[in-house]
Amino acid sequence: MLVGPSGSGKTTAMRLINRLIRLSGGDILLGGRSVLERNEVALRRDIGYVIQQVGLFPHMTVARTSRPCPGCWAGSARESRSARASSSS
């Protein structure tokens, strides 16, 4: 979870993790595995991202807000995300 005040680098960190910005040095490990070794599409589908304030849907649960397109992902990865989301709400 990334939490911090405006301007602290949360968006930049997410862009680096999602490989939207190329790393100039070092590495980022996610689940003990380098993000550089993972397929970009699979990596991005495996990361939950919830926008604050204006992007939230007040009529939905946290689990539903974090997966507004439940049919976009196939198979066990989708089920795994649903289970993780349900356990945190």
PDB file of N, CA and C in Angstrom:
ATOM      1  N   MET A   1       0.846  -1.156   0.000  1.00  0.00           N
ATOM      2  CA  MET A   1       0.000   0.000   0.000  1.00  0.00           C
ATOM      3  C   MET A   1       0.898   1.227   0.000  1.00  0.00           C
ATOM      4  N   LEU A   2       0.599   2.155  -0.863  1.00  0.00           N
ATOM      5  CA  LEU A   2       1.320   3.434  -0.905  1.00  0.00           C
ATOM      6  C   LEU A   2       0.419   4.516  -0.334  1.00  0.00           C
ATOM      7  N   VAL A   3       0.907   5.180   0.682  1.00  0.00           N
ATOM      8  CA  VAL A   3       0.162   6.270   1.310  1.00  0.00           C
ATOM      9  C   VAL A   3       1.137   7.412   1.542  1.00  0.00           C
ATOM     10  N   GLY A   4       0.715   8.611   1.245  1.00  0.00           N
ATOM     11  CA  GLY A   4       1.565   9.763   1.491  1.00  0.00           C
ATOM     12  C   GLY A   4       0.908  11.031   1.004  1.00  0.00           C
ATOM     13  N   PRO A   5       1.474  12.162   1.398  1.00  0.00           N
ATOM     14  CA  PRO A   5       0.899  13.435   0.996  1.00  0.00           C
ATOM     15  C   PRO A   5       1.114  13.705  -0.485  1.00  0.00           C
ATOM     16  N   SER A   6       0.385  14.662  -0.995  1.00  0.00           N
ATOM     17  CA  SER A   6       0.528  15.081  -2.386  1.00  0.00           C
ATOM     18  C   SER A   6       1.974  15.459  -2.670  1.00  0.00           C
ATOM     19  N   GLY A   7       2.483  14.978  -3.784  1.00  0.00           N
ATOM     20  CA  GLY A   7       3.842  15.316  -4.180  1.00  0.00           C
ATOM     21  C   GLY A   7       4.916  14.411  -3.610  1.00  0.00           C
ATOM     22  N   SER A   8       4.525  13.356  -2.900  1.00  0.00           N
ATOM     23  CA  SER A   8       5.524  12.492  -2.266  1.00  0.00           C
ATOM     24  C   SER A   8       6.037  11.378  -3.176  1.00  0.00           C
ATOM     25  N   GLY A   9       5.487  11.251  -4.380  1.00  0.00           N
ATOM     26  CA  GLY A   9       5.996  10.267  -5.330  1.00  0.00           C
ATOM     27  C   GLY A   9       5.183   9.001  -5.478  1.00  0.00           C
ATOM     28  N   LYS A  10       3.965   8.982  -4.948  1.00  0.00           N
ATOM     29  CA  LYS A  10       3.128   7.776  -5.049  1.00  0.00           C
ATOM     30  C   LYS A  10       2.837   7.412  -6.500  1.00  0.00           C
ATOM     31  N   THR A  11       2.445   8.367  -7.302  1.00  0.00           N
ATOM     32  CA  THR A  11       2.128   8.104  -8.703  1.00  0.00           C
ATOM     33  C   THR A  11       3.374   7.681  -9.459  1.00  0.00           C
ATOM     34  N   THR A  12       4.490   8.320  -9.208  1.00  0.00           N
ATOM     35  CA  THR A  12       5.741   7.942  -9.866  1.00  0.00           C
ATOM     36  C   THR A  12       6.130   6.524  -9.477  1.00  0.00           C
ATOM     37  N   ALA A  13       5.984   6.181  -8.208  1.00  0.00           N
ATOM     38  CA  ALA A  13       6.292   4.821  -7.756  1.00  0.00           C
ATOM     39  C   ALA A  13       5.406   3.799  -8.470  1.00  0.00           C
ATOM     40  N   MET A  14       4.115   4.094  -8.587  1.00  0.00           N
ATOM     41  CA  MET A  14       3.210   3.172  -9.285  1.00  0.00           C
ATOM     42  C   MET A  14       3.573   3.047 -10.765  1.00  0.00           C
ATOM     43  N   ARG A  15       3.970   4.128 -11.376  1.00  0.00           N
ATOM     44  CA  ARG A  15       4.381   4.072 -12.786  1.00  0.00           C
ATOM     45  C   ARG A  15       5.635   3.230 -12.952  1.00  0.00           C
ATOM     46  N   LEU A  16       6.559   3.330 -12.014  1.00  0.00           N
ATOM     47  CA  LEU A  16       7.766   2.500 -12.055  1.00  0.00           C
ATOM     48  C   LEU A  16       7.425   1.030 -11.841  1.00  0.00           C
ATOM     49  N   ILE A  17       6.587   0.749 -10.858  1.00  0.00           N
ATOM     50  CA  ILE A  17       6.185  -0.627 -10.569  1.00  0.00           C
ATOM     51  C   ILE A  17       5.470  -1.237 -11.773  1.00  0.00           C
ATOM     52  N   ASN A  18       4.593  -0.481 -12.391  1.00  0.00           N
ATOM     53  CA  ASN A  18       3.817  -0.958 -13.551  1.00  0.00           C
ATOM     54  C   ASN A  18       4.602  -0.918 -14.859  1.00  0.00           C
ATOM     55  N   ARG A  19       5.834  -0.461 -14.789  1.00  0.00           N
ATOM     56  CA  ARG A  19       6.734  -0.369 -15.947  1.00  0.00           C
ATOM     57  C   ARG A  19       6.222   0.602 -17.008  1.00  0.00           C
ATOM     58  N   LEU A  20       5.549   1.643 -16.551  1.00  0.00           N
ATOM     59  CA  LEU A  20       5.138   2.713 -17.464  1.00  0.00           C
ATOM     60  C   LEU A  20       6.267   3.721 -17.620  1.00  0.00           C
ATOM     61  N   ILE A  21       7.199   3.707 -16.650  1.00  0.00           N
ATOM     62  CA  ILE A  21       8.414   4.502 -16.702  1.00  0.00           C
ATOM     63  C   ILE A  21       9.570   3.510 -16.596  1.00  0.00           C
ATOM     64  N   ARG A  22      10.560   3.655 -17.450  1.00  0.00           N
ATOM     65  CA  ARG A  22      11.714   2.749 -17.436  1.00  0.00           C
ATOM     66  C   ARG A  22      12.608   3.069 -16.238  1.00  0.00           C
ATOM     67  N   LEU A  23      13.029   2.018 -15.535  1.00  0.00           N
ATOM     68  CA  LEU A  23      13.964   2.197 -14.422  1.00  0.00           C
ATOM     69  C   LEU A  23      15.315   2.646 -14.959  1.00  0.00           C
ATOM     70  N   SER A  24      15.899   3.642 -14.327  1.00  0.00           N
ATOM     71  CA  SER A  24      17.229   4.105 -14.746  1.00  0.00           C
ATOM     72  C   SER A  24      18.329   3.357 -13.994  1.00  0.00           C
ATOM     73  N   GLY A  25      17.948   2.619 -12.969  1.00  0.00           N
ATOM     74  CA  GLY A  25      18.895   1.828 -12.202  1.00  0.00           C
ATOM     75  C   GLY A  25      18.164   1.047 -11.132  1.00  0.00           C
ATOM     76  N   GLY A  26      18.805   0.038 -10.610  1.00  0.00           N
ATOM     77  CA  GLY A  26      18.196  -0.746  -9.547  1.00  0.00           C
ATOM     78  C   GLY A  26      17.121  -1.682 -10.062  1.00  0.00           C
ATOM     79  N   ASP A  27      16.289  -2.152  -9.157  1.00  0.00           N
ATOM     80  CA  ASP A  27      15.229  -3.098  -9.494  1.00  0.00           C
ATOM     81  C   ASP A  27      14.080  -2.923  -8.506  1.00  0.00           C
ATOM     82  N   ILE A  28      12.929  -3.402  -8.877  1.00  0.00           N
ATOM     83  CA  ILE A  28      11.762  -3.395  -8.000  1.00  0.00           C
ATOM     84  C   ILE A  28      11.293  -4.833  -7.896  1.00  0.00           C
ATOM     85  N   LEU A  29      11.203  -5.328  -6.665  1.00  0.00           N
ATOM     86  CA  LEU A  29      10.725  -6.681  -6.432  1.00  0.00           C
ATOM     87  C   LEU A  29       9.281  -6.615  -5.957  1.00  0.00           C
ATOM     88  N   LEU A  30       8.469  -7.434  -6.540  1.00  0.00           N
ATOM     89  CA  LEU A  30       7.064  -7.533  -6.164  1.00  0.00           C
ATOM     90  C   LEU A  30       6.783  -9.004  -5.914  1.00  0.00           C
ATOM     91  N   GLY A  31       6.475  -9.332  -4.671  1.00  0.00           N
ATOM     92  CA  GLY A  31       6.309 -10.734  -4.325  1.00  0.00           C
ATOM     93  C   GLY A  31       7.613 -11.507  -4.454  1.00  0.00           C
ATOM     94  N   GLY A  32       8.742 -10.825  -4.236  1.00  0.00           N
ATOM     95  CA  GLY A  32      10.039 -11.459  -4.312  1.00  0.00           C
ATOM     96  C   GLY A  32      10.576 -11.660  -5.720  1.00  0.00           C
ATOM     97  N   ARG A  33       9.867 -11.150  -6.705  1.00  0.00           N
ATOM     98  CA  ARG A  33      10.249 -11.338  -8.104  1.00  0.00           C
ATOM     99  C   ARG A  33      10.382  -9.982  -8.791  1.00  0.00           C
ATOM    100  N   SER A  34      11.409  -9.820  -9.589  1.00  0.00           N
ATOM    101  CA  SER A  34      11.642  -8.564 -10.286  1.00  0.00           C
ATOM    102  C   SER A  34      10.481  -8.241 -11.226  1.00  0.00           C
ATOM    103  N   VAL A  35      10.059  -6.983 -11.221  1.00  0.00           N
ATOM    104  CA  VAL A  35       9.008  -6.575 -12.160  1.00  0.00           C
ATOM    105  C   VAL A  35       9.516  -6.628 -13.596  1.00  0.00           C
ATOM    106  N   LEU A  36      10.834  -6.556 -13.767  1.00  0.00           N
ATOM    107  CA  LEU A  36      11.422  -6.592 -15.107  1.00  0.00           C
ATOM    108  C   LEU A  36      11.342  -7.983 -15.737  1.00  0.00           C
ATOM    109  N   GLU A  37      11.184  -9.018 -14.913  1.00  0.00           N
ATOM    110  CA  GLU A  37      11.089 -10.395 -15.405  1.00  0.00           C
ATOM    111  C   GLU A  37       9.667 -10.776 -15.787  1.00  0.00           C
ATOM    112  N   ARG A  38       8.705  -9.968 -15.409  1.00  0.00           N
ATOM    113  CA  ARG A  38       7.304 -10.329 -15.598  1.00  0.00           C
ATOM    114  C   ARG A  38       6.737  -9.718 -16.871  1.00  0.00           C
ATOM    115  N   ASN A  39       5.779 -10.388 -17.449  1.00  0.00           N
ATOM    116  CA  ASN A  39       5.051  -9.873 -18.594  1.00  0.00           C
ATOM    117  C   ASN A  39       4.323  -8.608 -18.163  1.00  0.00           C
ATOM    118  N   GLU A  40       4.466  -7.530 -18.934  1.00  0.00           N
ATOM    119  CA  GLU A  40       3.889  -6.231 -18.545  1.00  0.00           C
ATOM    120  C   GLU A  40       2.376  -6.301 -18.353  1.00  0.00           C
ATOM    121  N   VAL A  41       1.679  -6.959 -19.245  1.00  0.00           N
ATOM    122  CA  VAL A  41       0.217  -7.030 -19.152  1.00  0.00           C
ATOM    123  C   VAL A  41      -0.183  -7.812 -17.911  1.00  0.00           C
ATOM    124  N   ALA A  42       0.434  -8.966 -17.694  1.00  0.00           N
ATOM    125  CA  ALA A  42       0.119  -9.779 -16.516  1.00  0.00           C
ATOM    126  C   ALA A  42       0.456  -9.030 -15.233  1.00  0.00           C
ATOM    127  N   LEU A  43       1.577  -8.328 -15.236  1.00  0.00           N
ATOM    128  CA  LEU A  43       1.982  -7.539 -14.076  1.00  0.00           C
ATOM    129  C   LEU A  43       0.920  -6.503 -13.735  1.00  0.00           C
ATOM    130  N   ARG A  44       0.478  -5.759 -14.725  1.00  0.00           N
ATOM    131  CA  ARG A  44      -0.514  -4.698 -14.496  1.00  0.00           C
ATOM    132  C   ARG A  44      -1.858  -5.256 -14.068  1.00  0.00           C
ATOM    133  N   ARG A  45      -2.228  -6.417 -14.564  1.00  0.00           N
ATOM    134  CA  ARG A  45      -3.501  -7.030 -14.170  1.00  0.00           C
ATOM    135  C   ARG A  45      -3.458  -7.586 -12.763  1.00  0.00           C
ATOM    136  N   ASP A  46      -2.255  -7.822 -12.255  1.00  0.00           N
ATOM    137  CA  ASP A  46      -2.092  -8.421 -10.941  1.00  0.00           C
ATOM    138  C   ASP A  46      -2.003  -7.391  -9.822  1.00  0.00           C
ATOM    139  N   ILE A  47      -1.993  -6.118 -10.169  1.00  0.00           N
ATOM    140  CA  ILE A  47      -1.846  -5.055  -9.177  1.00  0.00           C
ATOM    141  C   ILE A  47      -3.173  -4.325  -9.004  1.00  0.00           C
ATOM    142  N   GLY A  48      -3.617  -4.211  -7.757  1.00  0.00           N
ATOM    143  CA  GLY A  48      -4.825  -3.456  -7.466  1.00  0.00           C
ATOM    144  C   GLY A  48      -4.500  -1.975  -7.349  1.00  0.00           C
ATOM    145  N   TYR A  49      -5.370  -1.147  -7.853  1.00  0.00           N
ATOM    146  CA  TYR A  49      -5.133   0.294  -7.848  1.00  0.00           C
ATOM    147  C   TYR A  49      -6.466   0.990  -7.612  1.00  0.00           C
ATOM    148  N   VAL A  50      -6.568   1.722  -6.526  1.00  0.00           N
ATOM    149  CA  VAL A  50      -7.802   2.428  -6.204  1.00  0.00           C
ATOM    150  C   VAL A  50      -7.500   3.919  -6.143  1.00  0.00           C
ATOM    151  N   ILE A  51      -8.172   4.679  -6.954  1.00  0.00           N
ATOM    152  CA  ILE A  51      -7.999   6.128  -6.980  1.00  0.00           C
ATOM    153  C   ILE A  51      -8.757   6.724  -5.803  1.00  0.00           C
ATOM    154  N   GLN A  52      -8.186   7.732  -5.194  1.00  0.00           N
ATOM    155  CA  GLN A  52      -8.808   8.353  -4.036  1.00  0.00           C
ATOM    156  C   GLN A  52      -9.844   9.398  -4.442  1.00  0.00           C
ATOM    157  N   GLN A  53     -10.691   9.727  -3.511  1.00  0.00           N
ATOM    158  CA  GLN A  53     -11.688  10.788  -3.574  1.00  0.00           C
ATOM    159  C   GLN A  53     -12.536  10.746  -4.833  1.00  0.00           C
ATOM    160  N   VAL A  54     -12.243  11.572  -5.829  1.00  0.00           N
ATOM    161  CA  VAL A  54     -13.116  11.730  -6.987  1.00  0.00           C
ATOM    162  C   VAL A  54     -13.296  10.420  -7.763  1.00  0.00           C
ATOM    163  N   GLY A  55     -12.327   9.501  -7.675  1.00  0.00           N
ATOM    164  CA  GLY A  55     -12.415   8.244  -8.414  1.00  0.00           C
ATOM    165  C   GLY A  55     -13.162   7.151  -7.693  1.00  0.00           C
ATOM    166  N   LEU A  56     -13.551   7.386  -6.437  1.00  0.00           N
ATOM    167  CA  LEU A  56     -14.267   6.368  -5.677  1.00  0.00           C
ATOM    168  C   LEU A  56     -15.754   6.375  -6.021  1.00  0.00           C
ATOM    169  N   PHE A  57     -16.362   5.221  -5.870  1.00  0.00           N
ATOM    170  CA  PHE A  57     -17.791   5.081  -6.122  1.00  0.00           C
ATOM    171  C   PHE A  57     -18.482   4.872  -4.779  1.00  0.00           C
ATOM    172  N   PRO A  58     -19.141   5.895  -4.236  1.00  0.00           N
ATOM    173  CA  PRO A  58     -19.682   5.808  -2.883  1.00  0.00           C
ATOM    174  C   PRO A  58     -20.765   4.751  -2.701  1.00  0.00           C
ATOM    175  N   HIS A  59     -21.397   4.315  -3.771  1.00  0.00           N
ATOM    176  CA  HIS A  59     -22.451   3.320  -3.670  1.00  0.00           C
ATOM    177  C   HIS A  59     -21.924   1.886  -3.753  1.00  0.00           C
ATOM    178  N   MET A  60     -20.588   1.708  -3.873  1.00  0.00           N
ATOM    179  CA  MET A  60     -19.993   0.379  -3.991  1.00  0.00           C
ATOM    180  C   MET A  60     -19.124   0.061  -2.772  1.00  0.00           C
ATOM    181  N   THR A  61     -18.929  -1.237  -2.526  1.00  0.00           N
ATOM    182  CA  THR A  61     -18.021  -1.673  -1.474  1.00  0.00           C
ATOM    183  C   THR A  61     -16.585  -1.447  -1.947  1.00  0.00           C
ATOM    184  N   VAL A  62     -15.628  -1.544  -1.022  1.00  0.00           N
ATOM    185  CA  VAL A  62     -14.217  -1.418  -1.381  1.00  0.00           C
ATOM    186  C   VAL A  62     -13.846  -2.478  -2.413  1.00  0.00           C
ATOM    187  N   ALA A  63     -14.311  -3.704  -2.193  1.00  0.00           N
ATOM    188  CA  ALA A  63     -14.002  -4.791  -3.123  1.00  0.00           C
ATOM    189  C   ALA A  63     -14.525  -4.483  -4.525  1.00  0.00           C
ATOM    190  N   ARG A  64     -15.726  -3.985  -4.622  1.00  0.00           N
ATOM    191  CA  ARG A  64     -16.315  -3.695  -5.936  1.00  0.00           C
ATOM    192  C   ARG A  64     -15.657  -2.475  -6.577  1.00  0.00           C
ATOM    193  N   THR A  65     -15.304  -1.475  -5.774  1.00  0.00           N
ATOM    194  CA  THR A  65     -14.639  -0.284  -6.302  1.00  0.00           C
ATOM    195  C   THR A  65     -13.284  -0.640  -6.897  1.00  0.00           C
ATOM    196  N   SER A  66     -12.581  -1.586  -6.277  1.00  0.00           N
ATOM    197  CA  SER A  66     -11.242  -1.934  -6.742  1.00  0.00           C
ATOM    198  C   SER A  66     -11.250  -2.863  -7.946  1.00  0.00           C
ATOM    199  N   ARG A  67     -12.417  -3.311  -8.363  1.00  0.00           N
ATOM    200  CA  ARG A  67     -12.517  -4.141  -9.570  1.00  0.00           C
ATOM    201  C   ARG A  67     -13.791  -3.781 -10.343  1.00  0.00           C
ATOM    202  N   PRO A  68     -13.824  -2.587 -10.912  1.00  0.00           N
ATOM    203  CA  PRO A  68     -15.036  -2.146 -11.609  1.00  0.00           C
ATOM    204  C   PRO A  68     -15.343  -2.926 -12.879  1.00  0.00           C
ATOM    205  N   CYS A  69     -14.400  -3.695 -13.372  1.00  0.00           N
ATOM    206  CA  CYS A  69     -14.615  -4.473 -14.579  1.00  0.00           C
ATOM    207  C   CYS A  69     -14.289  -5.939 -14.297  1.00  0.00           C
ATOM    208  N   PRO A  70     -15.133  -6.636 -13.514  1.00  0.00           N
ATOM    209  CA  PRO A  70     -14.804  -7.991 -13.093  1.00  0.00           C
ATOM    210  C   PRO A  70     -14.664  -8.987 -14.244  1.00  0.00           C
ATOM    211  N   GLY A  71     -15.231  -8.722 -15.381  1.00  0.00           N
ATOM    212  CA  GLY A  71     -15.112  -9.626 -16.514  1.00  0.00           C
ATOM    213  C   GLY A  71     -13.850  -9.412 -17.325  1.00  0.00           C
ATOM    214  N   CYS A  72     -13.023  -8.448 -16.936  1.00  0.00           N
ATOM    215  CA  CYS A  72     -11.821  -8.131 -17.710  1.00  0.00           C
ATOM    216  C   CYS A  72     -10.696  -9.117 -17.494  1.00  0.00           C
ATOM    217  N   TRP A  73     -10.751  -9.877 -16.416  1.00  0.00           N
ATOM    218  CA  TRP A  73      -9.669 -10.804 -16.103  1.00  0.00           C
ATOM    219  C   TRP A  73     -10.202 -12.223 -16.117  1.00  0.00           C
ATOM    220  N   ALA A  74      -9.375 -13.135 -16.556  1.00  0.00           N
ATOM    221  CA  ALA A  74      -9.820 -14.523 -16.699  1.00  0.00           C
ATOM    222  C   ALA A  74      -9.241 -15.428 -15.619  1.00  0.00           C
ATOM    223  N   GLY A  75     -10.029 -16.427 -15.251  1.00  0.00           N
ATOM    224  CA  GLY A  75      -9.535 -17.541 -14.453  1.00  0.00           C
ATOM    225  C   GLY A  75      -9.115 -17.234 -13.041  1.00  0.00           C
ATOM    226  N   SER A  76      -8.103 -17.961 -12.601  1.00  0.00           N
ATOM    227  CA  SER A  76      -7.705 -17.951 -11.198  1.00  0.00           C
ATOM    228  C   SER A  76      -7.195 -16.594 -10.718  1.00  0.00           C
ATOM    229  N   ALA A  77      -6.567 -15.824 -11.581  1.00  0.00           N
ATOM    230  CA  ALA A  77      -6.072 -14.508 -11.152  1.00  0.00           C
ATOM    231  C   ALA A  77      -7.238 -13.648 -10.690  1.00  0.00           C
ATOM    232  N   ARG A  78      -8.337 -13.680 -11.422  1.00  0.00           N
ATOM    233  CA  ARG A  78      -9.525 -12.909 -11.050  1.00  0.00           C
ATOM    234  C   ARG A  78     -10.079 -13.401  -9.717  1.00  0.00           C
ATOM    235  N   GLU A  79     -10.152 -14.719  -9.560  1.00  0.00           N
ATOM    236  CA  GLU A  79     -10.669 -15.282  -8.318  1.00  0.00           C
ATOM    237  C   GLU A  79      -9.770 -14.928  -7.143  1.00  0.00           C
ATOM    238  N   SER A  80      -8.463 -14.936  -7.378  1.00  0.00           N
ATOM    239  CA  SER A  80      -7.510 -14.583  -6.334  1.00  0.00           C
ATOM    240  C   SER A  80      -7.689 -13.138  -5.901  1.00  0.00           C
ATOM    241  N   ARG A  81      -7.864 -12.232  -6.868  1.00  0.00           N
ATOM    242  CA  ARG A  81      -8.078 -10.817  -6.546  1.00  0.00           C
ATOM    243  C   ARG A  81      -9.379 -10.645  -5.773  1.00  0.00           C
ATOM    244  N   SER A  82     -10.419 -11.354  -6.193  1.00  0.00           N
ATOM    245  CA  SER A  82     -11.702 -11.252  -5.488  1.00  0.00           C
ATOM    246  C   SER A  82     -11.573 -11.711  -4.060  1.00  0.00           C
ATOM    247  N   ALA A  83     -10.838 -12.783  -3.848  1.00  0.00           N
ATOM    248  CA  ALA A  83     -10.650 -13.295  -2.486  1.00  0.00           C
ATOM    249  C   ALA A  83      -9.874 -12.315  -1.631  1.00  0.00           C
ATOM    250  N   ARG A  84      -8.804 -11.718  -2.209  1.00  0.00           N
ATOM    251  CA  ARG A  84      -8.014 -10.733  -1.463  1.00  0.00           C
ATOM    252  C   ARG A  84      -8.860  -9.492  -1.157  1.00  0.00           C
ATOM    253  N   ALA A  85      -9.647  -9.044  -2.128  1.00  0.00           N
ATOM    254  CA  ALA A  85     -10.472  -7.848  -1.924  1.00  0.00           C
ATOM    255  C   ALA A  85     -11.526  -8.115  -0.856  1.00  0.00           C
ATOM    256  N   SER A  86     -12.131  -9.299  -0.884  1.00  0.00           N
ATOM    257  CA  SER A  86     -13.164  -9.630   0.089  1.00  0.00           C
ATOM    258  C   SER A  86     -12.613  -9.707   1.488  1.00  0.00           C
ATOM    259  N   SER A  87     -11.385 -10.170   1.635  1.00  0.00           N
ATOM    260  CA  SER A  87     -10.806 -10.304   2.969  1.00  0.00           C
ATOM    261  C   SER A  87     -10.435  -8.945   3.560  1.00  0.00           C
ATOM    262  N   SER A  88     -10.296  -7.905   2.717  1.00  0.00           N
ATOM    263  CA  SER A  88      -9.915  -6.594   3.243  1.00  0.00           C
ATOM    264  C   SER A  88     -11.085  -5.661   3.428  1.00  0.00           C
ATOM    265  N   SER A  89     -12.277  -6.073   3.034  1.00  0.00           N
ATOM    266  CA  SER A  89     -13.427  -5.164   3.178  1.00  0.00           C
ATOM    267  C   SER A  89     -14.234  -5.461   4.409  1.00  0.00           C
TER     268      SER A  89
END
